Amino acid sequence: MYVYGNVVTKPAYEPERRTKEPERTGKTSRQVRKNRRKALHMSPGYVIFLAVAAILALIVCVNYVQIQSRLTSRSKAITAMQEELADMKEENNTKYNAVMDSVNLDEIRDKAQNELGMVYASSEQIVEYDNPASDYVKQYENIPEDGILAQSDKK
């Protein structure tokens, strides 16, 4: 029979409850008592082994905590340095932009041409040269008029 709702009737029977532990009637034998005493006894070698293992475990735990502490402090130092770097970059960019805004290239060109008498280089004054060896040049003597520094024997 199915009961609807939240009130369910108790069953007609209740299970028996034990009130106390069952008593052991038999006495333990001499061999069992001897085995129990032997199991409770620890040899000196086993005690030393357990003590060494416990000390090693303690040392490992202490080292782990120290490493974690150093890692945390270094992490905080790195974060502080990154914030300082960001502030310095922002300050540097601000000063760079201020300097670039204060420089007027048209004004410099006019002053160079009108007051100092400077002119752009003509095509005769420009010397182009080929460097077959590398991009790095050590100039030991003047560049030749034809612009070629070195030639290989093979053509």
Protein backbone atom coordinates (compact mmCIF):
# COMPACT_ATOMS: atom_id res chain seq x y z
CA MET A 1 0.00 0.00 0.00
CA TYR A 2 1.35 3.41 -0.99
CA VAL A 3 0.92 6.36 1.37
CA TYR A 4 0.68 9.88 -0.04
CA GLY A 5 1.90 12.87 1.92
CA ASN A 6 4.66 13.44 4.41
CA VAL A 7 3.30 11.44 7.31
CA VAL A 8 4.19 7.78 7.19
CA THR A 9 3.02 5.39 9.80
CA LYS A 10 5.52 3.39 11.79
CA PRO A 11 5.80 -0.28 11.03
CA ALA A 12 4.06 -2.66 13.38
CA TYR A 13 7.31 -4.26 14.49
CA GLU A 14 10.54 -2.82 15.82
CA PRO A 15 13.91 -4.51 15.55
CA GLU A 16 15.50 -5.85 18.70
CA ARG A 17 18.23 -3.70 20.13
CA ARG A 18 21.25 -5.07 21.88
CA THR A 19 21.78 -3.52 25.23
CA LYS A 20 25.23 -4.84 26.07
CA GLU A 21 28.18 -6.54 24.46
CA PRO A 22 28.17 -10.29 24.35
CA GLU A 23 30.44 -11.79 26.96
CA ARG A 24 33.31 -13.97 26.00
CA THR A 25 33.17 -17.13 27.87
CA GLY A 26 36.49 -18.69 26.97
CA LYS A 27 39.81 -17.74 28.51
CA THR A 28 42.71 -16.90 26.24
CA SER A 29 45.35 -19.51 25.95
CA ARG A 30 48.94 -19.09 27.07
CA GLN A 31 50.19 -19.05 23.44
CA VAL A 32 47.78 -16.23 22.50
CA ARG A 33 48.92 -14.13 25.47
CA LYS A 34 52.55 -14.78 24.54
CA ASN A 35 51.91 -13.72 20.92
CA ARG A 36 50.17 -10.55 22.06
CA ARG A 37 53.11 -9.58 24.30
CA LYS A 38 55.54 -10.31 21.49
CA ALA A 39 53.52 -8.14 19.08
CA LEU A 40 53.61 -5.22 21.53
CA HIS A 41 57.38 -5.47 21.98
CA MET A 42 59.57 -3.55 19.49
CA SER A 43 63.20 -4.35 18.88
CA PRO A 44 65.84 -1.59 19.29
CA GLY A 45 66.68 -1.70 15.57
CA TYR A 46 63.07 -1.08 14.62
CA VAL A 47 62.83 1.83 17.09
CA ILE A 48 66.00 3.40 15.66
CA PHE A 49 64.68 2.95 12.12
CA LEU A 50 61.38 4.63 13.03
CA ALA A 51 63.19 7.50 14.78
CA VAL A 52 65.47 8.12 11.77
CA ALA A 53 62.49 7.98 9.39
CA ALA A 54 60.56 10.47 11.54
CA ILE A 55 63.56 12.86 11.71
CA LEU A 56 64.06 12.67 7.94
CA ALA A 57 60.36 13.35 7.37
CA LEU A 58 60.58 16.36 9.70
CA ILE A 59 63.65 17.71 7.87
CA VAL A 60 61.93 17.32 4.49
CA CYS A 61 58.84 19.14 5.78
CA VAL A 62 60.88 22.01 7.24
CA ASN A 63 62.84 22.39 3.99
CA TYR A 64 59.61 22.37 1.99
CA VAL A 65 58.15 25.15 4.15
CA GLN A 66 61.36 27.20 3.81
CA ILE A 67 61.36 26.80 0.01
CA GLN A 68 57.70 27.82 -0.14
CA SER A 69 58.47 30.87 1.99
CA ARG A 70 61.38 31.91 -0.25
CA LEU A 71 59.24 31.37 -3.35
CA THR A 72 56.49 33.56 -1.94
CA SER A 73 58.88 36.36 -0.98
CA ARG A 74 60.58 36.26 -4.39
CA SER A 75 57.23 36.31 -6.11
CA LYS A 76 56.26 39.42 -4.14
CA ALA A 77 59.62 41.04 -5.01
CA ILE A 78 59.13 40.27 -8.71
CA THR A 79 55.65 41.77 -8.63
CA ALA A 80 56.99 44.93 -6.98
CA MET A 81 59.77 45.21 -9.56
CA GLN A 82 57.33 44.72 -12.43
CA GLU A 83 55.16 47.51 -11.07
CA GLU A 84 58.23 49.74 -10.74
CA LEU A 85 59.26 48.89 -14.32
CA ALA A 86 55.78 49.74 -15.60
CA ASP A 87 55.90 53.09 -13.79
CA MET A 88 59.36 53.84 -15.21
CA LYS A 89 58.27 52.93 -18.74
CA GLU A 90 55.25 55.19 -18.44
CA GLU A 91 57.40 58.04 -17.14
CA ASN A 92 59.97 57.44 -19.88
CA ASN A 93 57.30 57.46 -22.60
CA THR A 94 55.83 60.66 -21.18
CA LYS A 95 59.21 62.41 -21.20
CA TYR A 96 60.03 61.08 -24.67
CA ASN A 97 56.75 62.38 -26.05
CA ALA A 98 57.37 65.74 -24.38
CA VAL A 99 60.83 65.97 -26.00
CA MET A 100 59.50 64.90 -29.39
CA ASP A 101 56.71 67.48 -29.18
CA SER A 102 59.21 70.21 -28.33
CA VAL A 103 61.33 69.49 -31.45
CA ASN A 104 60.10 71.02 -34.70
CA LEU A 105 61.97 69.55 -37.67
CA ASP A 106 60.76 72.24 -40.09
CA GLU A 107 62.18 74.91 -37.81
CA ILE A 108 65.54 73.07 -37.64
CA ARG A 109 65.69 72.71 -41.44
CA ASP A 110 64.90 76.41 -41.97
CA LYS A 111 67.55 77.46 -39.44
CA ALA A 112 70.14 75.12 -41.00
CA GLN A 113 69.48 76.35 -44.56
CA ASN A 114 68.94 80.07 -43.89
CA GLU A 115 71.20 80.87 -40.92
CA LEU A 116 73.95 78.26 -41.29
CA GLY A 117 73.97 78.06 -45.09
CA MET A 118 73.58 74.29 -45.27
CA VAL A 119 72.31 72.65 -48.48
CA TYR A 120 71.25 69.14 -49.46
CA ALA A 121 74.01 66.97 -51.00
CA SER A 122 74.15 66.92 -54.79
CA SER A 123 74.35 63.69 -56.77
CA GLU A 124 78.12 64.21 -57.38
CA GLN A 125 78.79 64.29 -53.65
CA ILE A 126 77.12 60.96 -52.93
CA VAL A 127 79.41 57.91 -53.23
CA GLU A 128 77.81 54.48 -53.22
CA TYR A 129 79.94 51.42 -52.71
CA ASP A 130 79.42 47.66 -52.67
CA ASN A 131 80.66 45.56 -49.79
CA PRO A 132 80.87 41.93 -50.89
CA ALA A 133 82.25 40.62 -47.59
CA SER A 134 79.69 41.54 -44.91
CA ASP A 135 77.50 44.27 -43.45
CA TYR A 136 80.19 45.33 -41.00
CA VAL A 137 82.82 47.74 -42.35
CA LYS A 138 86.14 48.69 -40.78
CA GLN A 139 87.51 51.60 -42.71
CA TYR A 140 91.31 51.48 -42.81
CA GLU A 141 91.66 53.90 -45.73
CA ASN A 142 89.52 56.20 -47.85
CA ILE A 143 86.81 54.80 -50.08
CA PRO A 144 87.92 54.68 -53.75
CA GLU A 145 86.22 56.95 -56.29
CA ASP A 146 84.69 54.05 -58.24
CA GLY A 147 82.96 52.81 -55.05
CA ILE A 148 84.27 49.20 -55.19
CA LEU A 149 86.19 48.13 -52.13
CA ALA A 150 87.32 44.65 -53.19
CA GLN A 151 86.99 42.40 -56.18
CA SER A 152 87.39 38.68 -56.43
CA ASP A 153 89.65 37.16 -59.06
CA LYS A 154 86.73 35.15 -60.50
CA LYS A 155 84.31 36.90 -62.82
